[in-house]
Amino acid sequence: MMGCNIAVDTECDVNETPYHQVTLSAFKIDKYDVTANEYKACVDRGVCTAADTLYTTCNYGVAGKENHPINCADWNQAKAYCTWVGKRLPTEAEWEKAVRGTDGRKYPWGNTGLDCNHAVQNATGCNNTGTAPVGSKPAGESPYGALDMIGNVLQWTEDWYDGGYYTTSPAQDPQGPPSGTERVLRGGSWYFSDSFYFRASFRTSLDPLYRYDYFGFRCAVSQ
């Protein structure tokens, strides 16, 4: 089930409706977000371009942040990395499936409230000033064992964004609109201070050229 489930969620946004059933072909998704060290390996090979270091909270090339998620990287850089490792960015539907399993839960761990033990976030007084190492919140794992799907960094997906896409999307392997101006990002980040952004159905979008310190990515592969 994809979209906002009003049976467990009172914060549904219009772009998360209607709540609908989707069938996906088999795929695998990374257990963790791509780390700064993993991304640097792609740069060192001359395949990827360096992520930004504009903000003090950017992780690329920072000692002690090697196992933090790569951030300050745009959609094209994310796609280039995933291609380099023989994978791709997940579709929005694949990302949501990996987060919530089959029961339409509000969070990866179920329907219980958001707290500092389950996600790297600032909505419940956690006082994070940047990212944390990947996998540092094991209590927040998804039904399939994926970690940090909610919190730490927003994650780029393959899809173009359309706020009304769910009203016309196919029931089998939706790929997003054929074109657009912004790409979909999913999952809340360390930077956000409102619980609204940490629900499994939350979706937002940005220009694919933007590089901010509160989003990163993970890769997927078809089976």
C-alpha atoms as a PDB file:
ATOM      1  CA  MET A   1       0.000   0.000   0.000  1.00  0.00           C
ATOM      2  CA  MET A   2       1.417   3.355  -1.085  1.00  0.00           C
ATOM      3  CA  GLY A   3       0.446   6.826   0.091  1.00  0.00           C
ATOM      4  CA  CYS A   4      -0.893   8.165   3.365  1.00  0.00           C
ATOM      5  CA  ASN A   5      -2.865   5.686   5.451  1.00  0.00           C
ATOM      6  CA  ILE A   6      -5.495   7.702   7.335  1.00  0.00           C
ATOM      7  CA  ALA A   7      -6.103   4.742   9.643  1.00  0.00           C
ATOM      8  CA  VAL A   8      -2.741   5.384  11.338  1.00  0.00           C
ATOM      9  CA  ASP A   9      -1.751   8.883  10.191  1.00  0.00           C
ATOM     10  CA  THR A  10      -3.499  12.182  10.911  1.00  0.00           C
ATOM     11  CA  GLU A  11      -0.994  14.341   8.987  1.00  0.00           C
ATOM     12  CA  CYS A  12      -1.778  13.262   5.412  1.00  0.00           C
ATOM     13  CA  ASP A  13      -0.844  15.751   2.697  1.00  0.00           C
ATOM     14  CA  VAL A  14      -2.744  15.978  -0.590  1.00  0.00           C
ATOM     15  CA  ASN A  15       0.294  14.860  -2.608  1.00  0.00           C
ATOM     16  CA  GLU A  16       0.262  11.575  -0.638  1.00  0.00           C
ATOM     17  CA  THR A  17      -3.231  10.651  -1.808  1.00  0.00           C
ATOM     18  CA  PRO A  18      -4.995   8.562  -2.790  1.00  0.00           C
ATOM     19  CA  TYR A  19      -3.842   5.637  -0.674  1.00  0.00           C
ATOM     20  CA  HIS A  20      -3.488   2.895  -3.293  1.00  0.00           C
ATOM     21  CA  GLN A  21      -2.130  -0.571  -3.962  1.00  0.00           C
ATOM     22  CA  VAL A  22       1.007  -0.998  -6.055  1.00  0.00           C
ATOM     23  CA  THR A  23       2.682  -4.193  -7.270  1.00  0.00           C
ATOM     24  CA  LEU A  24       6.445  -4.114  -7.826  1.00  0.00           C
ATOM     25  CA  SER A  25       8.843  -6.406  -9.606  1.00  0.00           C
ATOM     26  CA  ALA A  26      11.571  -7.896  -7.409  1.00  0.00           C
ATOM     27  CA  PHE A  27      14.394  -5.554  -6.425  1.00  0.00           C
ATOM     28  CA  LYS A  28      17.050  -5.029  -3.807  1.00  0.00           C
ATOM     29  CA  ILE A  29      17.836  -1.755  -2.050  1.00  0.00           C
ATOM     30  CA  ASP A  30      20.939  -0.816  -0.081  1.00  0.00           C
ATOM     31  CA  LYS A  31      20.745  -1.442   3.640  1.00  0.00           C
ATOM     32  CA  TYR A  32      22.485   1.886   4.287  1.00  0.00           C
ATOM     33  CA  ASP A  33      22.793   5.282   2.655  1.00  0.00           C
ATOM     34  CA  VAL A  34      25.925   5.632   0.546  1.00  0.00           C
ATOM     35  CA  THR A  35      28.704   6.897   2.815  1.00  0.00           C
ATOM     36  CA  ALA A  36      31.106   9.769   2.292  1.00  0.00           C
ATOM     37  CA  ASN A  37      33.983   7.296   2.025  1.00  0.00           C
ATOM     38  CA  GLU A  38      32.188   5.162  -0.564  1.00  0.00           C
ATOM     39  CA  TYR A  39      31.384   8.209  -2.652  1.00  0.00           C
ATOM     40  CA  LYS A  40      34.977   9.454  -2.437  1.00  0.00           C
ATOM     41  CA  ALA A  41      36.147   6.157  -3.923  1.00  0.00           C
ATOM     42  CA  CYS A  42      34.091   6.957  -7.032  1.00  0.00           C
ATOM     43  CA  VAL A  43      35.634  10.430  -7.198  1.00  0.00           C
ATOM     44  CA  ASP A  44      39.126   8.985  -6.765  1.00  0.00           C
ATOM     45  CA  ARG A  45      38.491   6.713  -9.742  1.00  0.00           C
ATOM     46  CA  GLY A  46      37.618   9.725 -11.865  1.00  0.00           C
ATOM     47  CA  VAL A  47      34.007   8.653 -12.379  1.00  0.00           C
ATOM     48  CA  CYS A  48      32.133  10.905  -9.943  1.00  0.00           C
ATOM     49  CA  THR A  49      32.616  14.599  -9.309  1.00  0.00           C
ATOM     50  CA  ALA A  50      33.359  15.895  -5.817  1.00  0.00           C
ATOM     51  CA  ALA A  51      30.426  16.643  -3.555  1.00  0.00           C
ATOM     52  CA  ASP A  52      30.152  20.183  -2.229  1.00  0.00           C
ATOM     53  CA  THR A  53      31.968  21.340   0.884  1.00  0.00           C
ATOM     54  CA  LEU A  54      30.147  24.672   1.084  1.00  0.00           C
ATOM     55  CA  TYR A  55      28.575  24.017   4.492  1.00  0.00           C
ATOM     56  CA  THR A  56      30.403  22.970   7.644  1.00  0.00           C
ATOM     57  CA  THR A  57      27.893  20.115   7.831  1.00  0.00           C
ATOM     58  CA  CYS A  58      28.905  18.659   4.443  1.00  0.00           C
ATOM     59  CA  ASN A  59      30.635  15.294   4.920  1.00  0.00           C
ATOM     60  CA  TYR A  60      32.765  14.897   1.783  1.00  0.00           C
ATOM     61  CA  GLY A  61      36.475  14.659   2.602  1.00  0.00           C
ATOM     62  CA  VAL A  62      35.972  15.427   6.298  1.00  0.00           C
ATOM     63  CA  ALA A  63      38.056  13.384   8.713  1.00  0.00           C
ATOM     64  CA  GLY A  64      35.862  11.429  11.083  1.00  0.00           C
ATOM     65  CA  LYS A  65      32.849  11.614   8.754  1.00  0.00           C
ATOM     66  CA  GLU A  66      33.878   8.766   6.453  1.00  0.00           C
ATOM     67  CA  ASN A  67      31.019   6.535   7.667  1.00  0.00           C
ATOM     68  CA  HIS A  68      28.416   9.303   7.618  1.00  0.00           C
ATOM     69  CA  PRO A  69      26.072   9.478   4.624  1.00  0.00           C
ATOM     70  CA  ILE A  70      27.376  11.451   1.690  1.00  0.00           C
ATOM     71  CA  ASN A  71      25.464  14.709   1.508  1.00  0.00           C
ATOM     72  CA  CYS A  72      25.799  17.963  -0.432  1.00  0.00           C
ATOM     73  CA  ALA A  73      25.513  15.910  -3.646  1.00  0.00           C
ATOM     74  CA  ASP A  74      22.961  16.545  -6.381  1.00  0.00           C
ATOM     75  CA  TRP A  75      20.717  14.079  -8.196  1.00  0.00           C
ATOM     76  CA  ASN A  76      23.119  13.668 -11.119  1.00  0.00           C
ATOM     77  CA  GLN A  77      25.989  12.838  -8.783  1.00  0.00           C
ATOM     78  CA  ALA A  78      23.814  10.305  -6.985  1.00  0.00           C
ATOM     79  CA  LYS A  79      22.846   8.679 -10.260  1.00  0.00           C
ATOM     80  CA  ALA A  80      26.472   8.594 -11.452  1.00  0.00           C
ATOM     81  CA  TYR A  81      27.575   6.801  -8.290  1.00  0.00           C
ATOM     82  CA  CYS A  82      24.822   4.202  -8.438  1.00  0.00           C
ATOM     83  CA  THR A  83      25.639   3.516 -12.093  1.00  0.00           C
ATOM     84  CA  TRP A  84      29.323   3.121 -11.218  1.00  0.00           C
ATOM     85  CA  VAL A  85      28.546   0.356  -8.711  1.00  0.00           C
ATOM     86  CA  GLY A  86      26.226  -1.414 -11.157  1.00  0.00           C
ATOM     87  CA  LYS A  87      23.030  -0.211  -9.567  1.00  0.00           C
ATOM     88  CA  ARG A  88      20.546   2.660  -9.971  1.00  0.00           C
ATOM     89  CA  LEU A  89      18.507   5.039  -7.876  1.00  0.00           C
ATOM     90  CA  PRO A  90      15.325   3.453  -6.482  1.00  0.00           C
ATOM     91  CA  THR A  91      11.975   4.529  -7.812  1.00  0.00           C
ATOM     92  CA  GLU A  92       9.738   6.365  -5.392  1.00  0.00           C
ATOM     93  CA  ALA A  93       7.505   3.288  -5.125  1.00  0.00           C
ATOM     94  CA  GLU A  94      10.464   0.992  -4.412  1.00  0.00           C
ATOM     95  CA  TRP A  95      11.709   3.355  -1.736  1.00  0.00           C
ATOM     96  CA  GLU A  96       8.334   3.396  -0.009  1.00  0.00           C
ATOM     97  CA  LYS A  97       7.977  -0.377  -0.218  1.00  0.00           C
ATOM     98  CA  ALA A  98      11.378  -0.793   1.440  1.00  0.00           C
ATOM     99  CA  VAL A  99      10.322   1.557   4.239  1.00  0.00           C
ATOM    100  CA  ARG A 100       6.918   0.241   5.210  1.00  0.00           C
ATOM    101  CA  GLY A 101       6.576  -3.333   4.020  1.00  0.00           C
ATOM    102  CA  THR A 102       3.031  -4.515   3.279  1.00  0.00           C
ATOM    103  CA  ASP A 103       0.914  -3.170   6.134  1.00  0.00           C
ATOM    104  CA  GLY A 104       0.793   0.578   5.419  1.00  0.00           C
ATOM    105  CA  ARG A 105       2.641   1.523   8.603  1.00  0.00           C
ATOM    106  CA  LYS A 106       3.392   5.150   9.413  1.00  0.00           C
ATOM    107  CA  TYR A 107       7.084   4.646  10.195  1.00  0.00           C
ATOM    108  CA  PRO A 108       9.611   1.949   9.265  1.00  0.00           C
ATOM    109  CA  TRP A 109       9.339   0.483  12.777  1.00  0.00           C
ATOM    110  CA  GLY A 110       5.536   0.572  12.972  1.00  0.00           C
ATOM    111  CA  ASN A 111       2.978   3.114  14.131  1.00  0.00           C
ATOM    112  CA  THR A 112       4.492   4.150  17.459  1.00  0.00           C
ATOM    113  CA  GLY A 113       5.670   7.715  17.826  1.00  0.00           C
ATOM    114  CA  LEU A 114       8.850   9.288  16.527  1.00  0.00           C
ATOM    115  CA  ASP A 115      11.707   9.583  19.024  1.00  0.00           C
ATOM    116  CA  CYS A 116      15.481  10.017  19.216  1.00  0.00           C
ATOM    117  CA  ASN A 117      16.074   6.278  19.518  1.00  0.00           C
ATOM    118  CA  HIS A 118      14.505   5.470  16.126  1.00  0.00           C
ATOM    119  CA  ALA A 119      15.768   8.197  13.809  1.00  0.00           C
ATOM    120  CA  VAL A 120      18.373  10.939  13.456  1.00  0.00           C
ATOM    121  CA  GLN A 121      16.059  13.943  13.593  1.00  0.00           C
ATOM    122  CA  ASN A 122      15.281  17.183  15.405  1.00  0.00           C
ATOM    123  CA  ALA A 123      11.504  16.938  15.718  1.00  0.00           C
ATOM    124  CA  THR A 124      11.511  15.584  19.268  1.00  0.00           C
ATOM    125  CA  GLY A 125      14.332  17.508  20.941  1.00  0.00           C
ATOM    126  CA  CYS A 126      17.232  15.347  19.768  1.00  0.00           C
ATOM    127  CA  ASN A 127      19.545  18.359  19.221  1.00  0.00           C
ATOM    128  CA  ASN A 128      21.379  16.970  16.202  1.00  0.00           C
ATOM    129  CA  THR A 129      23.731  19.461  14.538  1.00  0.00           C
ATOM    130  CA  GLY A 130      24.480  17.277  11.531  1.00  0.00           C
ATOM    131  CA  THR A 131      24.360  13.715  10.275  1.00  0.00           C
ATOM    132  CA  ALA A 132      25.228  10.597  12.264  1.00  0.00           C
ATOM    133  CA  PRO A 133      27.091   7.483  11.063  1.00  0.00           C
ATOM    134  CA  VAL A 134      24.921   5.248   8.897  1.00  0.00           C
ATOM    135  CA  GLY A 135      23.092   2.507  10.787  1.00  0.00           C
ATOM    136  CA  SER A 136      23.401   4.263  14.142  1.00  0.00           C
ATOM    137  CA  LYS A 137      19.664   3.866  14.883  1.00  0.00           C
ATOM    138  CA  PRO A 138      19.038   0.098  14.607  1.00  0.00           C
ATOM    139  CA  ALA A 139      15.683   0.436  16.395  1.00  0.00           C
ATOM    140  CA  GLY A 140      14.433   2.295  13.337  1.00  0.00           C
ATOM    141  CA  GLU A 141      15.036  -0.443  10.791  1.00  0.00           C
ATOM    142  CA  SER A 142      12.353  -1.233   8.220  1.00  0.00           C
ATOM    143  CA  PRO A 143      10.538  -4.585   7.874  1.00  0.00           C
ATOM    144  CA  TYR A 144      13.232  -5.582   5.353  1.00  0.00           C
ATOM    145  CA  GLY A 145      16.171  -4.501   7.510  1.00  0.00           C
ATOM    146  CA  ALA A 146      16.922  -1.186   5.767  1.00  0.00           C
ATOM    147  CA  LEU A 147      18.320   1.451   8.122  1.00  0.00           C
ATOM    148  CA  ASP A 148      18.009   5.245   8.169  1.00  0.00           C
ATOM    149  CA  MET A 149      15.160   5.214   5.684  1.00  0.00           C
ATOM    150  CA  ILE A 150      13.659   7.895   7.904  1.00  0.00           C
ATOM    151  CA  GLY A 151      15.986  10.564   9.297  1.00  0.00           C
ATOM    152  CA  ASN A 152      19.687  11.340   8.890  1.00  0.00           C
ATOM    153  CA  VAL A 153      19.359  12.484   5.244  1.00  0.00           C
ATOM    154  CA  LEU A 154      16.561  12.870   2.735  1.00  0.00           C
ATOM    155  CA  GLN A 155      17.152  10.492  -0.162  1.00  0.00           C
ATOM    156  CA  TRP A 156      17.054  11.147  -3.889  1.00  0.00           C
ATOM    157  CA  THR A 157      14.900   8.791  -5.950  1.00  0.00           C
ATOM    158  CA  GLU A 158      14.800   8.245  -9.688  1.00  0.00           C
ATOM    159  CA  ASP A 159      11.371   9.809 -10.252  1.00  0.00           C
ATOM    160  CA  TRP A 160      10.359  13.198 -11.548  1.00  0.00           C
ATOM    161  CA  TYR A 161       7.881  14.874  -9.195  1.00  0.00           C
ATOM    162  CA  ASP A 162       4.187  15.509  -9.790  1.00  0.00           C
ATOM    163  CA  GLY A 163       2.013  16.349  -6.789  1.00  0.00           C
ATOM    164  CA  GLY A 164      -0.988  14.635  -8.374  1.00  0.00           C
ATOM    165  CA  TYR A 165       0.828  11.600  -9.752  1.00  0.00           C
ATOM    166  CA  TYR A 166      -0.902   9.089  -7.466  1.00  0.00           C
ATOM    167  CA  THR A 167      -4.256   9.808  -9.120  1.00  0.00           C
ATOM    168  CA  THR A 168      -3.014   8.467 -12.467  1.00  0.00           C
ATOM    169  CA  SER A 169      -0.020   6.270 -11.636  1.00  0.00           C
ATOM    170  CA  PRO A 170      -0.023   2.672 -12.892  1.00  0.00           C
ATOM    171  CA  ALA A 171      -0.645  -0.137 -10.419  1.00  0.00           C
ATOM    172  CA  GLN A 172       2.361  -2.109 -11.712  1.00  0.00           C
ATOM    173  CA  ASP A 173       5.911  -0.743 -11.323  1.00  0.00           C
ATOM    174  CA  PRO A 174       5.182   3.003 -11.382  1.00  0.00           C
ATOM    175  CA  GLN A 175       8.168   4.949 -12.668  1.00  0.00           C
ATOM    176  CA  GLY A 176       6.973   8.491 -12.027  1.00  0.00           C
ATOM    177  CA  PRO A 177       6.023  11.097 -14.639  1.00  0.00           C
ATOM    178  CA  PRO A 178       7.903  11.014 -17.964  1.00  0.00           C
ATOM    179  CA  SER A 179       9.314  14.501 -17.396  1.00  0.00           C
ATOM    180  CA  GLY A 180       9.385  17.334 -14.898  1.00  0.00           C
ATOM    181  CA  THR A 181      11.507  20.034 -13.309  1.00  0.00           C
ATOM    182  CA  GLU A 182      12.162  18.500  -9.882  1.00  0.00           C
ATOM    183  CA  ARG A 183      13.135  15.029  -8.630  1.00  0.00           C
ATOM    184  CA  VAL A 184      11.476  13.281  -5.690  1.00  0.00           C
ATOM    185  CA  LEU A 185      13.208  12.999  -2.324  1.00  0.00           C
ATOM    186  CA  ARG A 186      11.914  10.761   0.462  1.00  0.00           C
ATOM    187  CA  GLY A 187      12.516  10.378   4.212  1.00  0.00           C
ATOM    188  CA  GLY A 188      13.104  13.089   6.799  1.00  0.00           C
ATOM    189  CA  SER A 189      16.525  14.475   7.688  1.00  0.00           C
ATOM    190  CA  TRP A 190      18.584  15.469  10.725  1.00  0.00           C
ATOM    191  CA  TYR A 191      17.790  19.093   9.885  1.00  0.00           C
ATOM    192  CA  PHE A 192      13.991  18.930  10.080  1.00  0.00           C
ATOM    193  CA  SER A 193      12.186  19.851  13.293  1.00  0.00           C
ATOM    194  CA  ASP A 194       8.590  18.854  12.482  1.00  0.00           C
ATOM    195  CA  SER A 195       7.292  15.279  12.792  1.00  0.00           C
ATOM    196  CA  PHE A 196       5.363  15.731   9.528  1.00  0.00           C
ATOM    197  CA  TYR A 197       8.539  15.128   7.526  1.00  0.00           C
ATOM    198  CA  PHE A 198       9.369  11.761   9.065  1.00  0.00           C
ATOM    199  CA  ARG A 199       6.336   9.747   8.016  1.00  0.00           C
ATOM    200  CA  ALA A 200       6.883   6.933   5.506  1.00  0.00           C
ATOM    201  CA  SER A 201       4.445   8.488   3.040  1.00  0.00           C
ATOM    202  CA  PHE A 202       6.013  11.984   3.094  1.00  0.00           C
ATOM    203  CA  ARG A 203       7.233  13.114  -0.312  1.00  0.00           C
ATOM    204  CA  THR A 204       8.963  16.264  -1.453  1.00  0.00           C
ATOM    205  CA  SER A 205      11.012  17.445  -4.422  1.00  0.00           C
ATOM    206  CA  LEU A 206      13.877  19.698  -5.454  1.00  0.00           C
ATOM    207  CA  ASP A 207      15.720  20.844  -8.549  1.00  0.00           C
ATOM    208  CA  PRO A 208      18.073  17.936  -9.387  1.00  0.00           C
ATOM    209  CA  LEU A 209      21.043  20.331  -9.372  1.00  0.00           C
ATOM    210  CA  TYR A 210      20.601  21.350  -5.722  1.00  0.00           C
ATOM    211  CA  ARG A 211      23.225  20.225  -3.214  1.00  0.00           C
ATOM    212  CA  TYR A 212      22.206  20.590   0.418  1.00  0.00           C
ATOM    213  CA  ASP A 213      23.621  19.187   3.623  1.00  0.00           C
ATOM    214  CA  TYR A 214      20.423  17.396   4.589  1.00  0.00           C
ATOM    215  CA  PHE A 215      20.015  15.001   1.677  1.00  0.00           C
ATOM    216  CA  GLY A 216      21.891  12.049   0.255  1.00  0.00           C
ATOM    217  CA  PHE A 217      20.953   8.745  -1.373  1.00  0.00           C
ATOM    218  CA  ARG A 218      21.113   4.977  -1.522  1.00  0.00           C
ATOM    219  CA  CYS A 219      21.055   2.667  -4.522  1.00  0.00           C
ATOM    220  CA  ALA A 220      18.861  -0.188  -5.724  1.00  0.00           C
ATOM    221  CA  VAL A 221      19.047  -2.962  -8.304  1.00  0.00           C
ATOM    222  CA  SER A 222      16.436  -4.993 -10.175  1.00  0.00           C
ATOM    223  CA  GLN A 223      16.362  -8.755  -9.606  1.00  0.00           C
END
